[in-house]
């Protein structure tokens, strides 16, 4: 029973860590997109590089 709870705690901690990394990566991407826009990069090129729709840039 304690092994089950230990496994649950580890899985929850891993999930939280991955969510933090995903949030951090999303922020990095947002900052990079903003910088590219400020530097006059074409929106289509930015969207292609970011692998998102132009509407999401």
Protein backbone atom coordinates (compact mmCIF):
# COMPACT_ATOMS: atom_id res chain seq x y z
CA UNK A 1 0.00 0.00 0.00
CA UNK A 2 2.81 2.43 0.83
CA UNK A 3 4.43 1.49 -2.48
CA UNK A 4 1.26 2.57 -4.29
CA UNK A 5 1.24 5.95 -2.54
CA UNK A 6 4.94 6.41 -3.20
CA UNK A 7 4.37 5.69 -6.87
CA UNK A 8 1.48 8.17 -6.95
CA UNK A 9 3.62 10.87 -5.31
CA UNK A 10 6.45 10.32 -7.78
CA UNK A 11 4.08 10.41 -10.76
CA UNK A 12 2.46 13.61 -9.46
CA UNK A 13 5.86 15.24 -8.95
CA UNK A 14 6.97 14.20 -12.44
CA UNK A 15 3.77 15.62 -13.93
CA UNK A 16 4.25 18.91 -12.10
CA UNK A 17 7.85 19.11 -13.29
CA UNK A 18 6.85 18.50 -16.90
CA UNK A 19 4.06 21.08 -16.67
CA UNK A 20 6.63 23.61 -15.42
CA UNK A 21 8.96 22.78 -18.31
CA UNK A 22 6.10 23.09 -20.81
CA UNK A 23 5.10 26.47 -19.38
CA UNK A 24 8.72 27.60 -19.56
CA UNK A 25 9.05 26.44 -23.18
CA UNK A 26 5.82 28.22 -24.11
CA UNK A 27 7.12 31.44 -22.56
CA UNK A 28 10.45 31.07 -24.40
CA UNK A 29 8.56 30.59 -27.67
CA UNK A 30 6.36 33.60 -27.02
CA UNK A 31 9.40 35.76 -26.27
CA UNK A 32 11.20 34.52 -29.41
CA UNK A 33 8.14 35.23 -31.56
CA UNK A 34 7.84 38.71 -30.08
CA UNK A 35 11.51 39.43 -30.77
CA UNK A 36 11.17 38.23 -34.36
CA UNK A 37 8.15 40.46 -34.87
CA UNK A 38 9.97 43.47 -33.39
CA UNK A 39 12.85 42.78 -35.77
CA UNK A 40 10.45 42.87 -38.73
CA UNK A 41 10.39 39.17 -39.58
CA UNK A 42 7.47 38.15 -41.82
CA UNK A 43 4.55 36.59 -39.92
CA UNK A 44 4.36 33.65 -42.32
CA UNK A 45 8.03 32.86 -41.69
CA UNK A 46 7.58 33.17 -37.93
CA UNK A 47 4.54 30.90 -37.99
CA UNK A 48 6.39 28.33 -40.07
CA UNK A 49 9.40 28.36 -37.75
CA UNK A 50 7.17 28.11 -34.68
CA UNK A 51 5.05 25.40 -36.30
CA UNK A 52 1.84 27.30 -35.58
CA UNK A 53 -0.88 28.89 -37.67
CA UNK A 54 -0.32 32.49 -38.71
CA UNK A 55 -3.44 33.38 -36.71
CA UNK A 56 -1.69 32.12 -33.56
CA UNK A 57 1.35 34.35 -34.02
